[in-house]
């Protein structure tokens, strides 16, 4: 998800039209700024990512979802 706002250890993040408030506590050693991409797990940002890494990850997720959806 992309960080759109930071307030202390909390960040509002967005991806594909979905927004979530997540904790940055686990990445407090990283320099996270608005515009950065982070991987989220159960409400926590667990890894800082590049734009390319985030895009590749979403493409893989989309492929998995397409493969699992029933065919008409």
PDB file of N, CA and C in Angstrom:
ATOM      1  N   UNK A   1       0.840  -1.171   0.000  1.00  0.00           N
ATOM      2  CA  UNK A   1       0.000   0.000   0.000  1.00  0.00           C
ATOM      3  C   UNK A   1       0.889   1.240   0.000  1.00  0.00           C
ATOM      4  N   UNK A   2       0.335   2.321  -0.516  1.00  0.00           N
ATOM      5  CA  UNK A   2       1.084   3.571  -0.540  1.00  0.00           C
ATOM      6  C   UNK A   2       0.672   4.438   0.648  1.00  0.00           C
ATOM      7  N   UNK A   3       1.661   4.988   1.325  1.00  0.00           N
ATOM      8  CA  UNK A   3       1.431   5.861   2.469  1.00  0.00           C
ATOM      9  C   UNK A   3       0.919   7.209   1.958  1.00  0.00           C
ATOM     10  N   UNK A   4      -0.253   7.630   2.468  1.00  0.00           N
ATOM     11  CA  UNK A   4      -0.812   8.915   2.048  1.00  0.00           C
ATOM     12  C   UNK A   4      -0.821   9.944   3.172  1.00  0.00           C
ATOM     13  N   UNK A   5      -0.676   9.494   4.419  1.00  0.00           N
ATOM     14  CA  UNK A   5      -0.629  10.414   5.556  1.00  0.00           C
ATOM     15  C   UNK A   5       0.020   9.706   6.728  1.00  0.00           C
ATOM     16  N   UNK A   6       0.825  10.441   7.496  1.00  0.00           N
ATOM     17  CA  UNK A   6       1.486   9.873   8.674  1.00  0.00           C
ATOM     18  C   UNK A   6       1.175  10.746   9.881  1.00  0.00           C
ATOM     19  N   UNK A   7       0.790  10.082  10.986  1.00  0.00           N
ATOM     20  CA  UNK A   7       0.570  10.750  12.263  1.00  0.00           C
ATOM     21  C   UNK A   7       1.226   9.890  13.334  1.00  0.00           C
ATOM     22  N   UNK A   8       2.407  10.277  13.753  1.00  0.00           N
ATOM     23  CA  UNK A   8       3.150   9.489  14.735  1.00  0.00           C
ATOM     24  C   UNK A   8       3.519   8.140  14.168  1.00  0.00           C
ATOM     25  N   UNK A   9       3.131   7.060  14.867  1.00  0.00           N
ATOM     26  CA  UNK A   9       3.408   5.704  14.385  1.00  0.00           C
ATOM     27  C   UNK A   9       2.260   5.135  13.568  1.00  0.00           C
ATOM     28  N   UNK A  10       1.271   5.951  13.234  1.00  0.00           N
ATOM     29  CA  UNK A  10       0.148   5.497  12.421  1.00  0.00           C
ATOM     30  C   UNK A  10       0.196   6.155  11.053  1.00  0.00           C
ATOM     31  N   UNK A  11      -0.211   5.391  10.052  1.00  0.00           N
ATOM     32  CA  UNK A  11      -0.230   5.919   8.691  1.00  0.00           C
ATOM     33  C   UNK A  11      -1.531   5.521   8.016  1.00  0.00           C
ATOM     34  N   UNK A  12      -2.052   6.424   7.214  1.00  0.00           N
ATOM     35  CA  UNK A  12      -3.182   6.094   6.351  1.00  0.00           C
ATOM     36  C   UNK A  12      -2.576   5.678   5.025  1.00  0.00           C
ATOM     37  N   UNK A  13      -2.946   4.471   4.581  1.00  0.00           N
ATOM     38  CA  UNK A  13      -2.379   3.908   3.362  1.00  0.00           C
ATOM     39  C   UNK A  13      -3.492   3.562   2.389  1.00  0.00           C
ATOM     40  N   UNK A  14      -3.153   3.536   1.082  1.00  0.00           N
ATOM     41  CA  UNK A  14      -4.143   3.272   0.045  1.00  0.00           C
ATOM     42  C   UNK A  14      -3.566   2.331  -0.993  1.00  0.00           C
ATOM     43  N   UNK A  15      -4.442   1.460  -1.501  1.00  0.00           N
ATOM     44  CA  UNK A  15      -4.089   0.591  -2.624  1.00  0.00           C
ATOM     45  C   UNK A  15      -5.372   0.168  -3.309  1.00  0.00           C
ATOM     46  N   UNK A  16      -5.435   0.355  -4.604  1.00  0.00           N
ATOM     47  CA  UNK A  16      -6.576  -0.077  -5.419  1.00  0.00           C
ATOM     48  C   UNK A  16      -7.908   0.442  -4.880  1.00  0.00           C
ATOM     49  N   UNK A  17      -7.913   1.687  -4.417  1.00  0.00           N
ATOM     50  CA  UNK A  17      -9.138   2.305  -3.937  1.00  0.00           C
ATOM     51  C   UNK A  17      -9.524   1.962  -2.507  1.00  0.00           C
ATOM     52  N   UNK A  18      -8.711   1.161  -1.823  1.00  0.00           N
ATOM     53  CA  UNK A  18      -8.979   0.777  -0.438  1.00  0.00           C
ATOM     54  C   UNK A  18      -8.016   1.522   0.470  1.00  0.00           C
ATOM     55  N   UNK A  19      -8.544   2.118   1.539  1.00  0.00           N
ATOM     56  CA  UNK A  19      -7.705   2.812   2.509  1.00  0.00           C
ATOM     57  C   UNK A  19      -7.724   2.074   3.832  1.00  0.00           C
ATOM     58  N   UNK A  20      -6.592   2.072   4.510  1.00  0.00           N
ATOM     59  CA  UNK A  20      -6.460   1.455   5.821  1.00  0.00           C
ATOM     60  C   UNK A  20      -5.552   2.338   6.685  1.00  0.00           C
ATOM     61  N   UNK A  21      -5.836   2.355   7.970  1.00  0.00           N
ATOM     62  CA  UNK A  21      -4.918   2.955   8.925  1.00  0.00           C
ATOM     63  C   UNK A  21      -4.076   1.827   9.476  1.00  0.00           C
ATOM     64  N   UNK A  22      -2.770   1.971   9.384  1.00  0.00           N
ATOM     65  CA  UNK A  22      -1.857   0.905   9.810  1.00  0.00           C
ATOM     66  C   UNK A  22      -0.806   1.462  10.764  1.00  0.00           C
ATOM     67  N   UNK A  23      -0.219   0.574  11.523  1.00  0.00           N
ATOM     68  CA  UNK A  23       0.841   0.945  12.448  1.00  0.00           C
ATOM     69  C   UNK A  23       2.199   0.878  11.751  1.00  0.00           C
ATOM     70  N   UNK A  24       3.006   1.901  11.978  1.00  0.00           N
ATOM     71  CA  UNK A  24       4.384   1.919  11.469  1.00  0.00           C
ATOM     72  C   UNK A  24       5.376   1.487  12.551  1.00  0.00           C
ATOM     73  N   UNK A  25       4.873   1.041  13.681  1.00  0.00           N
ATOM     74  CA  UNK A  25       5.723   0.724  14.831  1.00  0.00           C
ATOM     75  C   UNK A  25       6.842  -0.241  14.479  1.00  0.00           C
ATOM     76  N   UNK A  26       6.551  -1.264  13.687  1.00  0.00           N
ATOM     77  CA  UNK A  26       7.568  -2.274  13.363  1.00  0.00           C
ATOM     78  C   UNK A  26       8.632  -1.744  12.404  1.00  0.00           C
ATOM     79  N   UNK A  27       8.380  -0.601  11.788  1.00  0.00           N
ATOM     80  CA  UNK A  27       9.358  -0.013  10.862  1.00  0.00           C
ATOM     81  C   UNK A  27       9.930   1.293  11.397  1.00  0.00           C
ATOM     82  N   UNK A  28       9.946   1.446  12.709  1.00  0.00           N
ATOM     83  CA  UNK A  28      10.404   2.710  13.273  1.00  0.00           C
ATOM     84  C   UNK A  28      11.872   3.011  12.981  1.00  0.00           C
ATOM     85  N   UNK A  29      12.654   2.019  12.597  1.00  0.00           N
ATOM     86  CA  UNK A  29      14.055   2.251  12.221  1.00  0.00           C
ATOM     87  C   UNK A  29      14.179   2.728  10.772  1.00  0.00           C
ATOM     88  N   UNK A  30      13.103   2.582   9.990  1.00  0.00           N
ATOM     89  CA  UNK A  30      13.088   3.020   8.584  1.00  0.00           C
ATOM     90  C   UNK A  30      12.639   4.478   8.518  1.00  0.00           C
ATOM     91  N   UNK A  31      13.034   5.150   7.466  1.00  0.00           N
ATOM     92  CA  UNK A  31      12.577   6.513   7.232  1.00  0.00           C
ATOM     93  C   UNK A  31      11.381   6.453   6.291  1.00  0.00           C
ATOM     94  N   UNK A  32      10.178   6.273   6.847  1.00  0.00           N
ATOM     95  CA  UNK A  32       8.960   6.170   6.046  1.00  0.00           C
ATOM     96  C   UNK A  32       8.379   7.570   5.873  1.00  0.00           C
ATOM     97  N   UNK A  33       8.100   7.937   4.627  1.00  0.00           N
ATOM     98  CA  UNK A  33       7.520   9.240   4.324  1.00  0.00           C
ATOM     99  C   UNK A  33       6.303   9.052   3.418  1.00  0.00           C
ATOM    100  N   UNK A  34       5.460  10.080   3.349  1.00  0.00           N
ATOM    101  CA  UNK A  34       4.304  10.045   2.461  1.00  0.00           C
ATOM    102  C   UNK A  34       4.788   9.758   1.042  1.00  0.00           C
ATOM    103  N   UNK A  35       4.111   8.840   0.383  1.00  0.00           N
ATOM    104  CA  UNK A  35       4.493   8.432  -0.966  1.00  0.00           C
ATOM    105  C   UNK A  35       5.221   7.108  -1.015  1.00  0.00           C
ATOM    106  N   UNK A  36       5.775   6.674   0.126  1.00  0.00           N
ATOM    107  CA  UNK A  36       6.450   5.374   0.181  1.00  0.00           C
ATOM    108  C   UNK A  36       5.431   4.249   0.071  1.00  0.00           C
ATOM    109  N   UNK A  37       5.918   3.070  -0.276  1.00  0.00           N
ATOM    110  CA  UNK A  37       5.094   1.859  -0.344  1.00  0.00           C
ATOM    111  C   UNK A  37       5.531   0.926   0.762  1.00  0.00           C
ATOM    112  N   UNK A  38       4.533   0.308   1.416  1.00  0.00           N
ATOM    113  CA  UNK A  38       4.818  -0.627   2.497  1.00  0.00           C
ATOM    114  C   UNK A  38       3.960  -1.873   2.335  1.00  0.00           C
ATOM    115  N   UNK A  39       4.492  -3.007   2.782  1.00  0.00           N
ATOM    116  CA  UNK A  39       3.726  -4.244   2.822  1.00  0.00           C
ATOM    117  C   UNK A  39       3.037  -4.296   4.180  1.00  0.00           C
ATOM    118  N   UNK A  40       1.751  -4.629   4.167  1.00  0.00           N
ATOM    119  CA  UNK A  40       0.939  -4.638   5.380  1.00  0.00           C
ATOM    120  C   UNK A  40       0.561  -6.066   5.741  1.00  0.00           C
ATOM    121  N   UNK A  41       0.632  -6.367   7.043  1.00  0.00           N
ATOM    122  CA  UNK A  41       0.163  -7.663   7.546  1.00  0.00           C
ATOM    123  C   UNK A  41      -0.533  -7.410   8.876  1.00  0.00           C
ATOM    124  N   UNK A  42      -1.770  -7.837   8.987  1.00  0.00           N
ATOM    125  CA  UNK A  42      -2.624  -7.684  10.174  1.00  0.00           C
ATOM    126  C   UNK A  42      -2.505  -6.304  10.827  1.00  0.00           C
ATOM    127  N   UNK A  43      -2.566  -5.270  10.011  1.00  0.00           N
ATOM    128  CA  UNK A  43      -2.596  -3.909  10.532  1.00  0.00           C
ATOM    129  C   UNK A  43      -1.246  -3.269  10.784  1.00  0.00           C
ATOM    130  N   UNK A  44      -0.173  -3.977  10.476  1.00  0.00           N
ATOM    131  CA  UNK A  44       1.177  -3.444  10.680  1.00  0.00           C
ATOM    132  C   UNK A  44       1.919  -3.366   9.350  1.00  0.00           C
ATOM    133  N   UNK A  45       2.628  -2.261   9.133  1.00  0.00           N
ATOM    134  CA  UNK A  45       3.554  -2.177   8.012  1.00  0.00           C
ATOM    135  C   UNK A  45       4.771  -3.000   8.404  1.00  0.00           C
ATOM    136  N   UNK A  46       5.107  -3.988   7.582  1.00  0.00           N
ATOM    137  CA  UNK A  46       6.201  -4.897   7.958  1.00  0.00           C
ATOM    138  C   UNK A  46       7.416  -4.768   7.052  1.00  0.00           C
ATOM    139  N   UNK A  47       7.267  -4.068   5.923  1.00  0.00           N
ATOM    140  CA  UNK A  47       8.393  -3.936   5.005  1.00  0.00           C
ATOM    141  C   UNK A  47       8.192  -2.727   4.113  1.00  0.00           C
ATOM    142  N   UNK A  48       9.244  -1.942   3.939  1.00  0.00           N
ATOM    143  CA  UNK A  48       9.230  -0.835   2.984  1.00  0.00           C
ATOM    144  C   UNK A  48       9.545  -1.419   1.608  1.00  0.00           C
ATOM    145  N   UNK A  49       8.837  -0.943   0.587  1.00  0.00           N
ATOM    146  CA  UNK A  49       9.001  -1.483  -0.760  1.00  0.00           C
ATOM    147  C   UNK A  49       9.218  -0.331  -1.750  1.00  0.00           C
ATOM    148  N   UNK A  50       9.822  -0.653  -2.875  1.00  0.00           N
ATOM    149  CA  UNK A  50       9.895   0.309  -3.967  1.00  0.00           C
ATOM    150  C   UNK A  50       8.571   0.276  -4.729  1.00  0.00           C
ATOM    151  N   UNK A  51       8.340   1.281  -5.544  1.00  0.00           N
ATOM    152  CA  UNK A  51       7.137   1.303  -6.378  1.00  0.00           C
ATOM    153  C   UNK A  51       7.084   0.062  -7.259  1.00  0.00           C
ATOM    154  N   UNK A  52       8.209  -0.323  -7.849  1.00  0.00           N
ATOM    155  CA  UNK A  52       8.251  -1.495  -8.723  1.00  0.00           C
ATOM    156  C   UNK A  52       7.929  -2.770  -7.961  1.00  0.00           C
ATOM    157  N   UNK A  53       8.464  -2.930  -6.745  1.00  0.00           N
ATOM    158  CA  UNK A  53       8.154  -4.115  -5.940  1.00  0.00           C
ATOM    159  C   UNK A  53       6.667  -4.176  -5.611  1.00  0.00           C
ATOM    160  N   UNK A  54       6.084  -3.029  -5.267  1.00  0.00           N
ATOM    161  CA  UNK A  54       4.651  -2.987  -4.953  1.00  0.00           C
ATOM    162  C   UNK A  54       3.820  -3.349  -6.180  1.00  0.00           C
ATOM    163  N   UNK A  55       4.188  -2.807  -7.325  1.00  0.00           N
ATOM    164  CA  UNK A  55       3.452  -3.091  -8.561  1.00  0.00           C
ATOM    165  C   UNK A  55       3.560  -4.573  -8.925  1.00  0.00           C
ATOM    166  N   UNK A  56       4.746  -5.137  -8.827  1.00  0.00           N
ATOM    167  CA  UNK A  56       4.933  -6.560  -9.135  1.00  0.00           C
ATOM    168  C   UNK A  56       4.134  -7.445  -8.187  1.00  0.00           C
ATOM    169  N   UNK A  57       4.097  -7.080  -6.913  1.00  0.00           N
ATOM    170  CA  UNK A  57       3.341  -7.850  -5.923  1.00  0.00           C
ATOM    171  C   UNK A  57       1.857  -7.836  -6.259  1.00  0.00           C
ATOM    172  N   UNK A  58       1.297  -6.671  -6.605  1.00  0.00           N
ATOM    173  CA  UNK A  58      -0.122  -6.594  -6.972  1.00  0.00           C
ATOM    174  C   UNK A  58      -0.404  -7.400  -8.232  1.00  0.00           C
ATOM    175  N   UNK A  59       0.510  -7.384  -9.198  1.00  0.00           N
ATOM    176  CA  UNK A  59       0.313  -8.181 -10.411  1.00  0.00           C
ATOM    177  C   UNK A  59       0.254  -9.669 -10.084  1.00  0.00           C
ATOM    178  N   UNK A  60       1.109 -10.127  -9.171  1.00  0.00           N
ATOM    179  CA  UNK A  60       1.083 -11.539  -8.757  1.00  0.00           C
ATOM    180  C   UNK A  60      -0.217 -11.878  -8.031  1.00  0.00           C
ATOM    181  N   UNK A  61      -0.656 -10.997  -7.123  1.00  0.00           N
ATOM    182  CA  UNK A  61      -1.926 -11.217  -6.430  1.00  0.00           C
ATOM    183  C   UNK A  61      -3.072 -11.294  -7.424  1.00  0.00           C
ATOM    184  N   UNK A  62      -3.091 -10.402  -8.411  1.00  0.00           N
ATOM    185  CA  UNK A  62      -4.151 -10.407  -9.423  1.00  0.00           C
ATOM    186  C   UNK A  62      -4.149 -11.710 -10.216  1.00  0.00           C
ATOM    187  N   UNK A  63      -2.967 -12.233 -10.545  1.00  0.00           N
ATOM    188  CA  UNK A  63      -2.865 -13.503 -11.270  1.00  0.00           C
ATOM    189  C   UNK A  63      -3.423 -14.656 -10.437  1.00  0.00           C
ATOM    190  N   UNK A  64      -3.097 -14.680  -9.153  1.00  0.00           N
ATOM    191  CA  UNK A  64      -3.586 -15.741  -8.270  1.00  0.00           C
ATOM    192  C   UNK A  64      -5.106 -15.678  -8.172  1.00  0.00           C
ATOM    193  N   UNK A  65      -5.640 -14.480  -7.980  1.00  0.00           N
ATOM    194  CA  UNK A  65      -7.109 -14.334  -7.894  1.00  0.00           C
ATOM    195  C   UNK A  65      -7.785 -14.739  -9.183  1.00  0.00           C
ATOM    196  N   UNK A  66      -7.208 -14.391 -10.321  1.00  0.00           N
ATOM    197  CA  UNK A  66      -7.802 -14.754 -11.617  1.00  0.00           C
ATOM    198  C   UNK A  66      -7.773 -16.278 -11.794  1.00  0.00           C
ATOM    199  N   UNK A  67      -6.716 -16.928 -11.355  1.00  0.00           N
ATOM    200  CA  UNK A  67      -6.599 -18.380 -11.492  1.00  0.00           C
ATOM    201  C   UNK A  67      -7.578 -19.111 -10.577  1.00  0.00           C
ATOM    202  N   UNK A  68      -7.915 -18.495  -9.442  1.00  0.00           N
ATOM    203  CA  UNK A  68      -8.822 -19.142  -8.496  1.00  0.00           C
ATOM    204  C   UNK A  68     -10.284 -18.886  -8.800  1.00  0.00           C
ATOM    205  N   UNK A  69     -10.596 -17.865  -9.594  1.00  0.00           N
ATOM    206  CA  UNK A  69     -12.001 -17.547  -9.850  1.00  0.00           C
ATOM    207  C   UNK A  69     -12.606 -18.594 -10.775  1.00  0.00           C
ATOM    208  N   UNK A  70     -13.878 -18.951 -10.535  1.00  0.00           N
ATOM    209  CA  UNK A  70     -14.525 -19.968 -11.371  1.00  0.00           C
ATOM    210  C   UNK A  70     -14.703 -19.451 -12.785  1.00  0.00           C
ATOM    211  N   UNK A  71     -14.524 -20.332 -13.732  1.00  0.00           N
ATOM    212  CA  UNK A  71     -14.688 -19.974 -15.154  1.00  0.00           C
ATOM    213  C   UNK A  71     -16.131 -20.201 -15.563  1.00  0.00           C
ATOM    214  N   UNK A  72     -16.660 -19.296 -16.350  1.00  0.00           N
ATOM    215  CA  UNK A  72     -18.069 -19.402 -16.780  1.00  0.00           C
ATOM    216  C   UNK A  72     -18.232 -20.393 -17.910  1.00  0.00           C
TER     217      UNK A  72
END
